[in-house]
Amino acid sequence: MTFAATANAVLYTGAEPVFVDSQRQDGNVDPHLLIEAVDTLRTEGRDIAAVITVDLFGRCCDYASIEPALAEREIPLLEDAAEALGASLQGRAAGSFGRVAALSFNGNKIMTTSGGGMLLSDHNDLLERCRYLSTQARQPVAWYEHTEVGYNYRLSNVLAALGRGQLSRLDEMIDRRRQIRERYASGLAHLPVTFLGRGGAQRGDDDDNCWLTTLTVEDGPDADAVVGALSRQRIEVRHLWKPMHLQPVFDRARTFTTGVSDDLFRRGITLPSGPALSDDQIDRVISTLVSLISDQGQ
């Protein structure tokens, strides 16, 4: 489960994406199935360039299981932390796992510059290479000279300044999103719904950045019905990310699936989560959901 950009980046390099299913409690990649997929591909003689994880909806993956297993197999880990700025796991910040990580500052993220993002790594040689490629691969000479193809992946100075200003308020913005999540959890507690990542046996959501509040309806209308009904009330709720193996563009890709992400997509919704929401607006979402799910559950 992720936005297509994660998989598209693999295709841009000429590599072949292989998809691994989610774990039910939070939608993040199933670490045991991931390692099973790695070992299966290795047995088949396939070359695994890297493993990419996605910290879904602002929650870090199970890196305690993933990192040592990949290190043992000498496979690089790349962390897609686009949704997880401000989240952490066991005292380590999202974006600090693996050889390199990516953050997003898109318009819908907790901290935004309207677009663009940031690359993070402890490996200076890798960062220098990325800076070079992201500025059209210009050679350090007095004229415009290029020995290889580069890209225009820079963030403007003005937008970077906007991001720095927001960074100073990051904790405040995360706190507001957590308040919103708590209000939803309290208001919907009596319904047959499960909040992703919340109240798990081993991890709650205290270290999440609460970017989006997501839930599955366990007994009642499916996601299509919920999205449609709330839309008619002029309330925007969304489906969870449509799993990559269900996307037409990736219909021939290799997959290791258990059916979890299919089920999460069928029953899961994303609630309005922006920090500008008032308590009254959140309560309207809650009351509308209560009416819908209660009516259809009777």
Protein backbone atom coordinates (compact mmCIF):
# COMPACT_ATOMS: atom_id res chain seq x y z
CA MET A 1 0.00 0.00 0.00
CA THR A 2 1.50 3.27 -1.13
CA PHE A 3 1.15 6.05 -3.63
CA ALA A 4 2.35 5.11 -7.13
CA ALA A 5 5.35 7.46 -6.90
CA THR A 6 7.24 4.89 -4.84
CA ALA A 7 6.95 2.22 -7.51
CA ASN A 8 7.38 4.70 -10.38
CA ALA A 9 10.80 5.66 -9.03
CA VAL A 10 11.86 2.03 -9.41
CA LEU A 11 10.76 1.98 -13.04
CA TYR A 12 12.59 5.25 -13.77
CA THR A 13 15.88 3.47 -13.07
CA GLY A 14 15.08 0.54 -15.33
CA ALA A 15 14.62 -1.82 -12.40
CA GLU A 16 11.65 -4.13 -11.88
CA PRO A 17 9.36 -3.58 -8.87
CA VAL A 18 8.26 -6.55 -6.77
CA PHE A 19 5.40 -5.93 -4.36
CA VAL A 20 5.00 -7.37 -0.85
CA ASP A 21 1.73 -7.31 1.09
CA SER A 22 0.78 -5.43 4.24
CA GLN A 23 0.37 -6.42 7.85
CA ARG A 24 -3.16 -5.96 9.09
CA GLN A 25 -2.64 -3.81 12.18
CA ASP A 26 -1.24 -0.75 10.41
CA GLY A 27 -1.02 -1.42 6.68
CA ASN A 28 2.78 -1.27 6.65
CA VAL A 29 4.76 -3.97 4.90
CA ASP A 30 4.62 -7.42 6.49
CA PRO A 31 8.27 -7.91 7.61
CA HIS A 32 8.09 -11.70 7.63
CA LEU A 33 6.58 -11.86 4.15
CA LEU A 34 9.18 -9.34 2.99
CA ILE A 35 12.07 -11.54 4.05
CA GLU A 36 10.32 -14.59 2.59
CA ALA A 37 10.05 -12.71 -0.72
CA VAL A 38 13.73 -11.73 -0.59
CA ASP A 39 14.84 -15.30 0.08
CA THR A 40 12.55 -16.67 -2.62
CA LEU A 41 13.92 -14.27 -5.24
CA ARG A 42 17.49 -14.99 -4.18
CA THR A 43 16.84 -18.74 -4.51
CA GLU A 44 15.59 -18.07 -8.03
CA GLY A 45 18.86 -16.33 -8.84
CA ARG A 46 17.35 -12.85 -9.03
CA ASP A 47 19.47 -9.77 -8.28
CA ILE A 48 17.85 -7.64 -5.57
CA ALA A 49 19.16 -4.09 -5.91
CA ALA A 50 17.37 -2.77 -2.82
CA VAL A 51 14.34 -3.05 -0.58
CA ILE A 52 12.10 0.02 -0.29
CA THR A 53 9.82 0.39 2.70
CA VAL A 54 6.97 2.91 3.03
CA ASP A 55 6.13 4.44 6.42
CA LEU A 56 2.40 4.40 5.83
CA PHE A 57 0.11 7.24 7.00
CA GLY A 58 2.83 8.58 9.30
CA ARG A 59 3.85 5.36 11.06
CA CYS A 60 7.30 3.76 10.87
CA CYS A 61 7.61 0.22 9.59
CA ASP A 62 8.86 -2.62 11.80
CA TYR A 63 12.53 -1.80 11.29
CA ALA A 64 13.54 -3.82 14.34
CA SER A 65 12.74 -6.88 12.23
CA ILE A 66 13.58 -5.54 8.77
CA GLU A 67 16.96 -3.84 9.25
CA PRO A 68 18.96 -6.75 10.73
CA ALA A 69 17.46 -9.25 8.29
CA LEU A 70 18.46 -7.15 5.29
CA ALA A 71 21.89 -6.38 6.75
CA GLU A 72 22.50 -10.11 7.18
CA ARG A 73 21.64 -10.59 3.49
CA GLU A 74 23.68 -7.51 2.43
CA ILE A 75 20.70 -5.86 0.73
CA PRO A 76 20.44 -2.04 0.91
CA LEU A 77 17.36 -0.56 2.56
CA LEU A 78 15.77 2.61 1.18
CA GLU A 79 13.14 4.28 3.38
CA ASP A 80 10.21 6.07 1.81
CA ALA A 81 9.37 8.33 4.75
CA ALA A 82 7.32 10.72 2.61
CA GLU A 83 4.33 10.48 4.96
CA ALA A 84 6.21 10.18 8.23
CA LEU A 85 8.11 13.39 9.06
CA GLY A 86 8.08 13.71 12.85
CA ALA A 87 7.31 10.05 13.51
CA SER A 88 9.77 7.77 15.29
CA LEU A 89 10.42 4.19 16.31
CA GLN A 90 12.26 3.26 19.50
CA GLY A 91 13.80 6.71 19.71
CA ARG A 92 14.91 6.88 16.07
CA ALA A 93 13.33 9.42 13.76
CA ALA A 94 11.57 8.48 10.55
CA GLY A 95 14.03 9.16 7.76
CA SER A 96 17.00 7.74 9.68
CA PHE A 97 16.57 4.10 8.67
CA GLY A 98 18.47 2.42 5.86
CA ARG A 99 21.10 3.78 3.50
CA VAL A 100 18.95 6.64 2.26
CA ALA A 101 15.47 8.04 2.97
CA ALA A 102 13.07 10.40 1.24
CA LEU A 103 10.67 12.94 2.74
CA SER A 104 7.84 14.70 0.92
CA PHE A 105 6.79 18.32 1.31
CA ASN A 106 3.81 18.00 -1.01
CA GLY A 107 0.80 20.21 -0.36
CA ASN A 108 -1.02 17.55 1.67
CA LYS A 109 1.83 16.71 4.04
CA ILE A 110 2.26 17.83 7.65
CA MET A 111 4.98 20.27 6.58
CA THR A 112 4.67 21.57 3.04
CA THR A 113 6.55 23.66 0.53
CA SER A 114 3.71 23.03 -1.98
CA GLY A 115 5.88 20.38 -3.64
CA GLY A 116 9.30 18.81 -3.55
CA GLY A 117 10.92 17.01 -0.68
CA MET A 118 14.22 16.07 0.93
CA LEU A 119 16.75 13.27 0.63
CA LEU A 120 18.42 12.06 3.82
CA SER A 121 21.54 9.94 4.23
CA ASP A 122 24.64 9.50 6.34
CA HIS A 123 26.60 8.70 3.18
CA ASN A 124 28.11 11.91 1.84
CA ASP A 125 29.26 10.33 -1.42
CA LEU A 126 25.66 9.34 -2.20
CA LEU A 127 24.36 12.81 -1.33
CA GLU A 128 26.95 14.49 -3.53
CA ARG A 129 26.00 12.22 -6.41
CA CYS A 130 22.32 13.10 -5.93
CA ARG A 131 23.05 16.83 -5.78
CA TYR A 132 24.95 16.51 -9.01
CA LEU A 133 22.19 14.62 -10.81
CA SER A 134 19.45 16.88 -9.43
CA THR A 135 21.07 20.00 -10.93
CA GLN A 136 21.17 18.79 -14.54
CA ALA A 137 24.51 16.96 -14.05
CA ARG A 138 26.49 20.07 -14.88
CA GLN A 139 30.25 19.65 -14.92
CA PRO A 140 32.29 22.08 -12.75
CA VAL A 141 33.71 24.07 -15.66
CA ALA A 142 33.25 27.65 -16.93
CA TRP A 143 30.73 26.65 -19.62
CA TYR A 144 27.72 24.33 -19.72
CA GLU A 145 29.14 20.85 -20.15
CA HIS A 146 27.43 17.53 -19.50
CA THR A 147 28.90 14.03 -19.63
CA GLU A 148 25.69 12.26 -18.56
CA VAL A 149 21.96 12.87 -18.26
CA GLY A 150 20.82 14.95 -15.28
CA TYR A 151 17.50 16.16 -13.91
CA ASN A 152 15.93 19.35 -12.63
CA TYR A 153 14.92 18.10 -9.19
CA ARG A 154 15.76 21.22 -7.20
CA LEU A 155 13.56 22.96 -4.66
CA SER A 156 13.54 26.74 -5.09
CA ASN A 157 15.06 28.95 -2.39
CA VAL A 158 11.69 30.62 -1.77
CA LEU A 159 9.91 27.31 -1.18
CA ALA A 160 12.77 26.05 0.98
CA ALA A 161 12.35 29.15 3.16
CA LEU A 162 8.65 28.37 3.46
CA GLY A 163 9.53 24.90 4.65
CA ARG A 164 12.01 26.17 7.23
CA GLY A 165 9.32 28.39 8.66
CA GLN A 166 6.92 25.46 8.97
CA LEU A 167 9.61 23.26 10.49
CA SER A 168 9.66 25.54 13.53
CA ARG A 169 5.98 24.65 14.08
CA LEU A 170 6.24 20.94 13.34
CA ASP A 171 5.58 19.75 16.90
CA GLU A 172 2.56 22.04 17.14
CA MET A 173 1.13 20.73 13.85
CA ILE A 174 1.64 17.11 14.90
CA ASP A 175 -0.02 17.81 18.26
CA ARG A 176 -3.11 19.15 16.50
CA ARG A 177 -3.36 16.09 14.28
CA ARG A 178 -3.05 13.89 17.36
CA GLN A 179 -5.89 15.80 19.01
CA ILE A 180 -7.99 15.18 15.91
CA ARG A 181 -7.21 11.47 16.00
CA GLU A 182 -8.11 11.25 19.68
CA ARG A 183 -11.42 13.01 19.04
CA TYR A 184 -12.28 10.55 16.27
CA ALA A 185 -11.26 7.58 18.41
CA SER A 186 -13.42 8.75 21.30
CA GLY A 187 -16.42 9.64 19.16
CA LEU A 188 -16.40 6.39 17.18
CA ALA A 189 -15.38 4.03 20.00
CA HIS A 190 -18.79 2.31 20.13
CA LEU A 191 -18.81 1.48 16.41
CA PRO A 192 -17.40 -1.67 14.77
CA VAL A 193 -14.34 0.15 13.40
CA THR A 194 -10.61 -0.40 13.82
CA PHE A 195 -8.12 2.47 13.63
CA LEU A 196 -4.97 1.46 11.77
CA GLY A 197 -1.91 1.48 13.98
CA ARG A 198 -3.81 2.32 17.15
CA GLY A 199 -3.85 0.10 20.22
CA GLY A 200 -1.73 -2.69 18.77
CA ALA A 201 -0.43 -5.44 20.99
CA GLN A 202 3.18 -4.24 20.74
CA ARG A 203 2.92 -0.62 19.56
CA GLY A 204 0.29 2.05 19.98
CA ASP A 205 0.40 5.24 17.96
CA ASP A 206 2.30 7.46 20.40
CA ASP A 207 5.30 7.66 18.05
CA ASP A 208 3.24 8.25 14.87
CA ASN A 209 2.96 11.72 13.39
CA CYS A 210 -0.83 11.18 12.93
CA TRP A 211 -0.61 12.58 9.40
CA LEU A 212 -3.87 10.86 8.47
CA THR A 213 -6.41 9.09 10.63
CA THR A 214 -7.44 5.88 8.91
CA LEU A 215 -9.82 3.12 9.90
CA THR A 216 -11.54 0.01 8.63
CA VAL A 217 -15.24 -0.71 9.04
CA GLU A 218 -15.46 -4.25 10.39
CA ASP A 219 -19.22 -4.75 10.25
CA GLY A 220 -21.23 -2.46 8.00
CA PRO A 221 -20.82 -0.56 4.72
CA ASP A 222 -17.70 -1.01 2.63
CA ALA A 223 -15.37 1.84 1.71
CA ASP A 224 -17.22 2.67 -1.51
CA ALA A 225 -20.48 3.11 0.38
CA VAL A 226 -18.90 5.25 3.11
CA VAL A 227 -17.07 7.49 0.65
CA GLY A 228 -20.21 7.95 -1.43
CA ALA A 229 -22.52 8.63 1.50
CA LEU A 230 -20.24 11.21 3.11
CA SER A 231 -19.55 12.86 -0.21
CA ARG A 232 -23.29 13.47 -0.57
CA GLN A 233 -23.09 15.26 2.78
CA ARG A 234 -20.18 17.36 1.41
CA ILE A 235 -17.66 15.58 3.63
CA GLU A 236 -14.52 14.41 1.87
CA VAL A 237 -13.30 11.03 3.01
CA ARG A 238 -11.05 8.89 0.86
CA HIS A 239 -10.14 5.31 0.22
CA LEU A 240 -6.83 4.02 1.52
CA TRP A 241 -4.05 3.76 -1.05
CA LYS A 242 -5.08 1.30 -3.73
CA PRO A 243 -2.52 -1.52 -3.52
CA MET A 244 0.09 -1.43 -6.26
CA HIS A 245 -0.64 -4.97 -7.45
CA LEU A 246 -4.21 -3.83 -8.23
CA GLN A 247 -3.04 -0.89 -10.36
CA PRO A 248 -3.42 -1.49 -14.11
CA VAL A 249 0.05 -0.11 -14.80
CA PHE A 250 1.58 -2.81 -12.58
CA ASP A 251 -0.71 -5.71 -13.44
CA ARG A 252 2.24 -7.85 -14.61
CA ALA A 253 4.49 -7.15 -11.65
CA ARG A 254 5.68 -9.92 -9.35
CA THR A 255 3.77 -9.92 -6.07
CA PHE A 256 3.88 -11.66 -2.72
CA THR A 257 0.39 -11.25 -1.30
CA THR A 258 -1.73 -12.61 1.52
CA GLY A 259 -4.94 -10.69 0.78
CA VAL A 260 -4.46 -8.21 3.63
CA SER A 261 -4.00 -5.08 1.53
CA ASP A 262 -6.94 -6.07 -0.70
CA ASP A 263 -9.14 -6.30 2.38
CA LEU A 264 -7.85 -3.04 3.86
CA PHE A 265 -8.60 -1.29 0.58
CA ARG A 266 -12.12 -2.74 0.46
CA ARG A 267 -13.00 -1.72 4.02
CA GLY A 268 -10.66 1.17 4.81
CA ILE A 269 -11.20 4.93 4.70
CA THR A 270 -9.14 8.03 5.44
CA LEU A 271 -10.93 10.63 7.56
CA PRO A 272 -10.48 14.41 7.21
CA SER A 273 -7.29 15.04 9.19
CA GLY A 274 -6.01 18.54 8.39
CA PRO A 275 -4.97 20.73 11.33
CA ALA A 276 -7.26 23.57 10.19
CA LEU A 277 -10.34 21.47 10.99
CA SER A 278 -12.41 22.79 13.87
CA ASP A 279 -13.79 20.52 16.58
CA ASP A 280 -17.29 21.22 15.27
CA GLN A 281 -16.29 20.00 11.81
CA ILE A 282 -14.76 16.84 13.26
CA ASP A 283 -17.91 16.24 15.29
CA ARG A 284 -19.96 16.54 12.11
CA VAL A 285 -17.86 13.83 10.49
CA ILE A 286 -18.32 11.66 13.57
CA SER A 287 -22.10 12.10 13.75
CA THR A 288 -22.48 11.39 10.04
CA LEU A 289 -20.41 8.21 10.32
CA VAL A 290 -22.34 7.10 13.39
CA SER A 291 -25.64 7.50 11.57
CA LEU A 292 -24.39 5.73 8.45
CA ILE A 293 -22.75 2.74 10.12
CA SER A 294 -25.49 2.31 12.75
CA ASP A 295 -28.25 2.44 10.14
CA GLN A 296 -26.57 -0.11 7.85
CA GLY A 297 -25.62 -2.35 10.74
CA GLN A 298 -29.24 -2.80 11.83
